Amino acid sequence: MRELTKIHEEVKRCTIDEAIAYYSENNPRGEYVLIVEGAKEVEETEENEWENISIKEHVDKYIAEGMTSKDAIKKGRRRQKSSET
């Protein structure tokens, strides 16, 4: 049942890609509201854990794993450069 003034009211649940495809073929009418779900939480893995720490924390971790300070600094800097690209 619809209100008399809302003849074009429609509820559609779909992904953004599905909405684009649908409205590419069907002209939207009336006003509409989009409700978009936020990004899903990323499971903490060793790889993305490394992305969120500073160079100093990288170096400290490498040293704790047994690397020399010199090698740890080099590896920490390389890791930083690779994340900047």
Protein backbone atom coordinates (compact mmCIF):
# COMPACT_ATOMS: atom_id res chain seq x y z
CA MET A 1 0.00 0.00 0.00
CA ARG A 2 1.31 3.44 -0.95
CA GLU A 3 0.39 6.95 -0.07
CA LEU A 4 -1.56 8.65 -2.85
CA THR A 5 1.18 11.22 -3.36
CA LYS A 6 3.94 8.63 -3.65
CA ILE A 7 3.04 6.87 -6.88
CA HIS A 8 6.69 6.26 -7.76
CA GLU A 9 7.76 5.03 -4.32
CA GLU A 10 9.90 1.92 -4.55
CA VAL A 11 12.16 0.04 -2.16
CA LYS A 12 15.11 -1.59 -3.86
CA ARG A 13 17.89 -3.48 -2.07
CA CYS A 14 20.97 -3.98 -4.19
CA THR A 15 24.65 -3.27 -4.55
CA ILE A 16 25.90 -0.03 -6.07
CA ASP A 17 26.87 -1.90 -9.25
CA GLU A 18 23.39 -3.42 -9.49
CA ALA A 19 21.80 0.02 -9.01
CA ILE A 20 23.97 1.50 -11.77
CA ALA A 21 22.98 -1.30 -14.14
CA TYR A 22 19.28 -1.02 -13.23
CA TYR A 23 19.09 2.77 -13.59
CA SER A 24 21.09 2.69 -16.82
CA GLU A 25 18.13 0.83 -18.32
CA ASN A 26 15.27 2.32 -16.25
CA ASN A 27 14.76 6.05 -15.80
CA PRO A 28 14.55 6.96 -12.11
CA ARG A 29 11.40 8.87 -11.17
CA GLY A 30 10.63 10.93 -8.12
CA GLU A 31 13.03 11.43 -5.27
CA TYR A 32 15.13 8.74 -3.70
CA VAL A 33 17.32 8.01 -0.73
CA LEU A 34 20.40 5.82 -0.85
CA ILE A 35 21.51 4.04 2.28
CA VAL A 36 25.03 2.71 1.88
CA GLU A 37 26.59 0.19 4.21
CA GLY A 38 30.01 1.11 5.57
CA ALA A 39 33.17 -0.77 4.75
CA LYS A 40 33.52 -4.15 6.32
CA GLU A 41 36.12 -4.50 9.05
CA VAL A 42 39.40 -5.89 7.79
CA GLU A 43 40.65 -8.87 9.71
CA GLU A 44 43.96 -8.03 11.33
CA THR A 45 46.68 -9.93 9.52
CA GLU A 46 50.42 -9.75 9.84
CA GLU A 47 50.60 -7.88 6.51
CA ASN A 48 48.15 -5.08 7.33
CA GLU A 49 49.51 -4.89 10.89
CA TRP A 50 52.83 -3.84 9.35
CA GLU A 51 51.14 -1.15 7.24
CA ASN A 52 49.90 0.70 10.32
CA ILE A 53 53.15 1.13 12.23
CA SER A 54 55.93 3.71 11.94
CA ILE A 55 59.42 3.12 10.59
CA LYS A 56 60.78 3.18 14.15
CA GLU A 57 58.31 0.47 15.17
CA HIS A 58 59.37 -1.56 12.12
CA VAL A 59 63.02 -1.21 13.09
CA ASP A 60 62.33 -2.12 16.73
CA LYS A 61 60.41 -5.21 15.65
CA TYR A 62 63.20 -6.33 13.30
CA ILE A 63 65.80 -5.84 16.04
CA ALA A 64 63.64 -7.84 18.45
CA GLU A 65 63.58 -10.61 15.85
CA GLY A 66 67.38 -10.69 15.89
CA MET A 67 68.45 -8.35 13.07
CA THR A 68 71.36 -5.95 13.47
CA SER A 69 70.41 -2.29 13.85
CA LYS A 70 71.91 -1.46 10.45
CA ASP A 71 69.96 -4.19 8.63
CA ALA A 72 66.76 -3.38 10.53
CA ILE A 73 67.00 0.29 9.54
CA LYS A 74 67.57 -0.61 5.86
CA LYS A 75 64.66 -3.05 5.83
CA GLY A 76 62.37 -0.60 7.66
CA ARG A 77 63.15 2.14 5.14
CA ARG A 78 62.57 -0.22 2.18
CA ARG A 79 59.22 -1.21 3.65
CA GLN A 80 58.29 2.46 4.05
CA LYS A 81 59.19 3.23 0.44
CA SER A 82 57.16 0.29 -0.85
CA SER A 83 54.07 1.45 1.09
CA GLU A 84 54.37 4.96 -0.36
CA THR A 85 53.85 3.71 -3.92
